[in-house]
Every structure is written in structure tokens, then in C-alpha cells.
Amino acid sequence: MIITRLPFAVPDHPLIESRSEFITQHGGNAFMDFTLPEAVIKLRQGVGRLIRSTSDRGIVTVLDSRIVVKRYGQLFLRSLPSCPVEVVSSTGEVEEHEQYE
């Protein structure tokens, strides 16, 4: 499965914009309290279509560098089933190899 970008909602969509404004007006952080959790759920659901049982196998490739560059990328990685993770540079060299649980 290839995921070209992290599944964040379009911020200027009227419903997303309204919900974000509501959260901000009530002292919350719209990104951390709404946008990020929703995107993490969508990624988990996408991976869940590939991996449905403990005996299923597959490879998930995320092309969006934010998953390793941004601090919030760790939330995406930790939300996935336990698996080995390789971070590959644009030249094809393996930069990191980790196991997330």
C-alpha cells in the first residue's frame, strides 16, 4: 500500500473550518485536539484495509516526509500495528531502522 500524503483534512473546508474555530474559541488547539487525531484515525483505517488479521502481511509505504520530520509524525507511527520501520532517503539509502510497538 502506498500512502502519498498524510490524511489531513482540507483546512478551508467549511465544516473543518467551523469545528476548528469552535475549538479555538473554547481555549483548545484545533490542530492537536481535532485535525491531528482525525488524520491518525484515517491512517489507521487505511492500514487496516491491508492488515485485517495477525496472519496478514503487507508493506505500507508512506511518501510524506512529515511522518519522520515533524514531531507529530511519531503519533502516526505509534498508532500503527507493531512492525519494523525503515526510513529511506530520497537517494534510496536506509537512514533509520526501528521497531515500533
N, C-alpha and C. Protein backbone atom coordinates (compact mmCIF):
# COMPACT_ATOMS: atom_id res chain seq x y z
N MET A 1 0.85 -1.15 0.00
CA MET A 1 0.00 0.00 0.00
C MET A 1 0.91 1.23 0.00
N ILE A 2 0.63 2.17 -0.86
CA ILE A 2 1.40 3.40 -0.91
C ILE A 2 0.51 4.56 -0.48
N ILE A 3 0.97 5.30 0.52
CA ILE A 3 0.26 6.47 1.01
C ILE A 3 1.09 7.68 0.61
N THR A 4 0.57 8.49 -0.30
CA THR A 4 1.35 9.60 -0.83
C THR A 4 1.45 10.78 0.13
N ARG A 5 0.43 10.97 0.95
CA ARG A 5 0.47 12.07 1.93
C ARG A 5 -0.34 11.67 3.15
N LEU A 6 0.00 12.27 4.27
CA LEU A 6 -0.76 12.01 5.50
C LEU A 6 -2.17 12.54 5.31
N PRO A 7 -3.17 11.82 5.82
CA PRO A 7 -4.58 12.14 5.51
C PRO A 7 -5.19 13.29 6.34
N PHE A 8 -4.56 14.44 6.29
CA PHE A 8 -5.13 15.61 6.97
C PHE A 8 -6.31 16.14 6.17
N ALA A 9 -7.33 16.60 6.88
CA ALA A 9 -8.49 17.21 6.22
C ALA A 9 -8.09 18.55 5.62
N VAL A 10 -8.82 18.97 4.60
CA VAL A 10 -8.58 20.27 3.98
C VAL A 10 -9.00 21.35 4.97
N PRO A 11 -8.07 22.20 5.42
CA PRO A 11 -8.39 23.15 6.49
C PRO A 11 -9.43 24.21 6.13
N ASP A 12 -9.60 24.51 4.85
CA ASP A 12 -10.57 25.56 4.50
C ASP A 12 -11.93 24.98 4.10
N HIS A 13 -12.13 23.69 4.32
CA HIS A 13 -13.46 23.10 4.12
C HIS A 13 -14.37 23.71 5.18
N PRO A 14 -15.58 24.13 4.81
CA PRO A 14 -16.46 24.83 5.77
C PRO A 14 -16.69 24.10 7.09
N LEU A 15 -16.91 22.78 7.05
CA LEU A 15 -17.16 22.06 8.30
C LEU A 15 -15.91 21.98 9.16
N ILE A 16 -14.77 21.76 8.54
CA ILE A 16 -13.50 21.68 9.28
C ILE A 16 -13.16 23.05 9.86
N GLU A 17 -13.35 24.07 9.05
CA GLU A 17 -13.07 25.44 9.48
C GLU A 17 -13.94 25.82 10.69
N SER A 18 -15.22 25.47 10.61
CA SER A 18 -16.15 25.78 11.69
C SER A 18 -15.78 25.04 12.98
N ARG A 19 -15.46 23.77 12.86
CA ARG A 19 -15.08 22.98 14.03
C ARG A 19 -13.79 23.52 14.67
N SER A 20 -12.83 23.89 13.81
CA SER A 20 -11.55 24.44 14.29
C SER A 20 -11.77 25.75 15.03
N GLU A 21 -12.61 26.60 14.48
CA GLU A 21 -12.92 27.89 15.13
C GLU A 21 -13.56 27.65 16.50
N PHE A 22 -14.49 26.70 16.57
CA PHE A 22 -15.16 26.39 17.82
C PHE A 22 -14.15 25.95 18.89
N ILE A 23 -13.25 25.06 18.50
CA ILE A 23 -12.24 24.55 19.44
C ILE A 23 -11.34 25.69 19.92
N THR A 24 -10.92 26.54 18.99
CA THR A 24 -10.04 27.67 19.33
C THR A 24 -10.75 28.65 20.26
N GLN A 25 -12.02 28.94 19.99
CA GLN A 25 -12.79 29.87 20.82
C GLN A 25 -12.96 29.34 22.25
N HIS A 26 -12.91 28.04 22.40
CA HIS A 26 -13.08 27.44 23.73
C HIS A 26 -11.75 27.06 24.37
N GLY A 27 -10.67 27.68 23.90
CA GLY A 27 -9.36 27.53 24.53
C GLY A 27 -8.56 26.32 24.10
N GLY A 28 -9.01 25.62 23.08
CA GLY A 28 -8.29 24.43 22.63
C GLY A 28 -7.34 24.75 21.49
N ASN A 29 -6.62 23.73 21.10
CA ASN A 29 -5.71 23.82 19.97
C ASN A 29 -6.32 22.98 18.85
N ALA A 30 -6.84 23.64 17.82
CA ALA A 30 -7.58 22.94 16.77
C ALA A 30 -6.75 21.85 16.10
N PHE A 31 -5.46 22.10 15.91
CA PHE A 31 -4.62 21.09 15.25
C PHE A 31 -4.44 19.87 16.15
N MET A 32 -4.03 20.10 17.39
CA MET A 32 -3.74 18.97 18.29
C MET A 32 -5.01 18.27 18.80
N ASP A 33 -6.09 19.02 18.95
CA ASP A 33 -7.31 18.46 19.52
C ASP A 33 -8.27 17.87 18.49
N PHE A 34 -8.13 18.28 17.22
CA PHE A 34 -9.09 17.83 16.22
C PHE A 34 -8.43 17.31 14.94
N THR A 35 -7.63 18.15 14.29
CA THR A 35 -7.08 17.80 12.99
C THR A 35 -6.14 16.59 13.06
N LEU A 36 -5.21 16.62 14.00
CA LEU A 36 -4.24 15.53 14.12
C LEU A 36 -4.90 14.20 14.49
N PRO A 37 -5.74 14.15 15.54
CA PRO A 37 -6.37 12.86 15.87
C PRO A 37 -7.21 12.29 14.72
N GLU A 38 -7.89 13.16 13.98
CA GLU A 38 -8.70 12.68 12.84
C GLU A 38 -7.80 12.08 11.77
N ALA A 39 -6.66 12.71 11.50
CA ALA A 39 -5.73 12.19 10.49
C ALA A 39 -5.13 10.86 10.92
N VAL A 40 -4.81 10.73 12.19
CA VAL A 40 -4.25 9.48 12.71
C VAL A 40 -5.27 8.35 12.54
N ILE A 41 -6.51 8.63 12.84
CA ILE A 41 -7.57 7.62 12.68
C ILE A 41 -7.70 7.20 11.22
N LYS A 42 -7.67 8.16 10.31
CA LYS A 42 -7.78 7.84 8.88
C LYS A 42 -6.61 6.98 8.41
N LEU A 43 -5.41 7.27 8.89
CA LEU A 43 -4.26 6.45 8.51
C LEU A 43 -4.43 5.02 9.03
N ARG A 44 -4.83 4.90 10.28
CA ARG A 44 -5.06 3.56 10.87
C ARG A 44 -6.11 2.79 10.08
N GLN A 45 -7.18 3.46 9.68
CA GLN A 45 -8.22 2.81 8.90
C GLN A 45 -7.68 2.34 7.55
N GLY A 46 -6.85 3.16 6.92
CA GLY A 46 -6.26 2.78 5.64
C GLY A 46 -5.38 1.57 5.76
N VAL A 47 -4.53 1.55 6.78
CA VAL A 47 -3.65 0.40 7.01
C VAL A 47 -4.49 -0.82 7.38
N GLY A 48 -5.58 -0.60 8.09
CA GLY A 48 -6.46 -1.69 8.47
C GLY A 48 -7.09 -2.41 7.29
N ARG A 49 -7.18 -1.74 6.16
CA ARG A 49 -7.69 -2.38 4.97
C ARG A 49 -6.67 -3.37 4.39
N LEU A 50 -5.41 -3.16 4.70
CA LEU A 50 -4.35 -4.07 4.25
C LEU A 50 -4.13 -5.18 5.26
N ILE A 51 -4.05 -4.83 6.53
CA ILE A 51 -3.78 -5.79 7.60
C ILE A 51 -5.06 -6.00 8.40
N ARG A 52 -5.74 -7.13 8.16
CA ARG A 52 -7.01 -7.38 8.83
C ARG A 52 -6.90 -8.43 9.94
N SER A 53 -5.85 -9.24 9.90
CA SER A 53 -5.67 -10.24 10.96
C SER A 53 -4.19 -10.37 11.27
N THR A 54 -3.87 -11.09 12.35
CA THR A 54 -2.46 -11.22 12.76
C THR A 54 -1.66 -12.02 11.76
N SER A 55 -2.30 -12.81 10.91
CA SER A 55 -1.57 -13.60 9.92
C SER A 55 -1.37 -12.85 8.60
N ASP A 56 -2.04 -11.73 8.41
CA ASP A 56 -1.88 -10.94 7.19
C ASP A 56 -0.52 -10.27 7.15
N ARG A 57 0.00 -10.11 5.97
CA ARG A 57 1.30 -9.45 5.79
C ARG A 57 1.16 -8.43 4.67
N GLY A 58 1.95 -7.39 4.77
CA GLY A 58 1.94 -6.37 3.72
C GLY A 58 2.98 -5.32 4.01
N ILE A 59 3.16 -4.45 3.06
CA ILE A 59 4.09 -3.34 3.22
C ILE A 59 3.32 -2.05 3.02
N VAL A 60 3.50 -1.14 3.96
CA VAL A 60 2.90 0.18 3.87
C VAL A 60 4.04 1.16 3.63
N THR A 61 3.94 1.93 2.57
CA THR A 61 4.95 2.93 2.24
C THR A 61 4.31 4.30 2.35
N VAL A 62 4.86 5.13 3.23
CA VAL A 62 4.36 6.50 3.40
C VAL A 62 5.38 7.42 2.75
N LEU A 63 4.96 8.15 1.74
CA LEU A 63 5.86 9.03 0.99
C LEU A 63 5.94 10.43 1.58
N ASP A 64 5.10 10.74 2.54
CA ASP A 64 5.06 12.07 3.15
C ASP A 64 6.15 12.16 4.23
N SER A 65 7.14 13.00 4.02
CA SER A 65 8.27 13.09 4.95
C SER A 65 7.88 13.63 6.32
N ARG A 66 6.71 14.24 6.44
CA ARG A 66 6.29 14.76 7.74
C ARG A 66 6.19 13.67 8.79
N ILE A 67 6.01 12.43 8.37
CA ILE A 67 5.89 11.33 9.32
C ILE A 67 7.19 11.10 10.10
N VAL A 68 8.33 11.55 9.56
CA VAL A 68 9.60 11.43 10.28
C VAL A 68 10.22 12.78 10.61
N VAL A 69 9.81 13.83 9.92
CA VAL A 69 10.41 15.16 10.12
C VAL A 69 9.70 15.94 11.23
N LYS A 70 8.40 15.84 11.28
CA LYS A 70 7.61 16.59 12.27
C LYS A 70 7.46 15.79 13.56
N ARG A 71 7.38 16.51 14.66
CA ARG A 71 7.21 15.86 15.96
C ARG A 71 5.95 15.01 16.01
N TYR A 72 4.88 15.49 15.38
CA TYR A 72 3.62 14.75 15.42
C TYR A 72 3.67 13.46 14.59
N GLY A 73 4.68 13.28 13.77
CA GLY A 73 4.81 12.07 12.98
C GLY A 73 4.89 10.82 13.84
N GLN A 74 5.47 10.96 15.04
CA GLN A 74 5.57 9.82 15.96
C GLN A 74 4.20 9.31 16.35
N LEU A 75 3.20 10.19 16.44
CA LEU A 75 1.83 9.75 16.77
C LEU A 75 1.28 8.84 15.68
N PHE A 76 1.57 9.17 14.42
CA PHE A 76 1.13 8.32 13.32
C PHE A 76 1.80 6.96 13.42
N LEU A 77 3.12 6.95 13.61
CA LEU A 77 3.86 5.69 13.66
C LEU A 77 3.41 4.82 14.83
N ARG A 78 3.20 5.42 15.97
CA ARG A 78 2.80 4.65 17.16
C ARG A 78 1.36 4.14 17.06
N SER A 79 0.57 4.73 16.19
CA SER A 79 -0.82 4.30 16.05
C SER A 79 -0.96 3.05 15.20
N LEU A 80 0.10 2.69 14.49
CA LEU A 80 0.05 1.53 13.60
C LEU A 80 0.37 0.25 14.35
N PRO A 81 -0.01 -0.90 13.81
CA PRO A 81 0.34 -2.16 14.45
C PRO A 81 1.86 -2.29 14.59
N SER A 82 2.29 -3.05 15.57
CA SER A 82 3.72 -3.27 15.80
C SER A 82 4.37 -3.82 14.53
N CYS A 83 5.41 -3.14 14.08
CA CYS A 83 6.06 -3.55 12.84
C CYS A 83 7.43 -2.88 12.72
N PRO A 84 8.31 -3.45 11.90
CA PRO A 84 9.58 -2.78 11.66
C PRO A 84 9.35 -1.55 10.76
N VAL A 85 10.14 -0.51 10.98
CA VAL A 85 10.01 0.72 10.20
C VAL A 85 11.38 1.07 9.63
N GLU A 86 11.42 1.31 8.34
CA GLU A 86 12.64 1.78 7.70
C GLU A 86 12.40 3.19 7.17
N VAL A 87 13.34 4.07 7.42
CA VAL A 87 13.29 5.42 6.87
C VAL A 87 14.33 5.47 5.76
N VAL A 88 13.86 5.74 4.55
CA VAL A 88 14.73 5.71 3.38
C VAL A 88 14.85 7.12 2.83
N SER A 89 16.08 7.54 2.53
CA SER A 89 16.31 8.88 1.98
C SER A 89 15.85 8.93 0.52
N SER A 90 15.83 10.12 -0.03
CA SER A 90 15.42 10.28 -1.43
C SER A 90 16.40 9.62 -2.39
N THR A 91 17.62 9.31 -1.92
CA THR A 91 18.60 8.62 -2.76
C THR A 91 18.48 7.10 -2.63
N GLY A 92 17.60 6.63 -1.75
CA GLY A 92 17.38 5.20 -1.59
C GLY A 92 18.18 4.55 -0.49
N GLU A 93 18.93 5.33 0.26
CA GLU A 93 19.71 4.79 1.37
C GLU A 93 18.84 4.69 2.62
N VAL A 94 19.00 3.57 3.35
CA VAL A 94 18.26 3.41 4.61
C VAL A 94 18.94 4.27 5.66
N GLU A 95 18.20 5.27 6.16
CA GLU A 95 18.74 6.18 7.17
C GLU A 95 18.50 5.67 8.57
N GLU A 96 17.38 5.00 8.77
CA GLU A 96 16.97 4.53 10.09
C GLU A 96 16.26 3.20 9.95
N HIS A 97 16.37 2.40 10.97
CA HIS A 97 15.63 1.15 11.01
C HIS A 97 15.19 0.98 12.45
N GLU A 98 13.88 1.00 12.68
CA GLU A 98 13.35 0.92 14.04
C GLU A 98 12.23 -0.08 14.11
N GLN A 99 11.86 -0.42 15.32
CA GLN A 99 10.71 -1.27 15.58
C GLN A 99 9.74 -0.46 16.43
N TYR A 100 8.53 -0.26 15.95
CA TYR A 100 7.52 0.47 16.73
C TYR A 100 6.51 -0.50 17.27
N GLU A 101 6.11 -0.28 18.52
CA GLU A 101 5.10 -1.13 19.15
C GLU A 101 3.97 -0.31 19.65
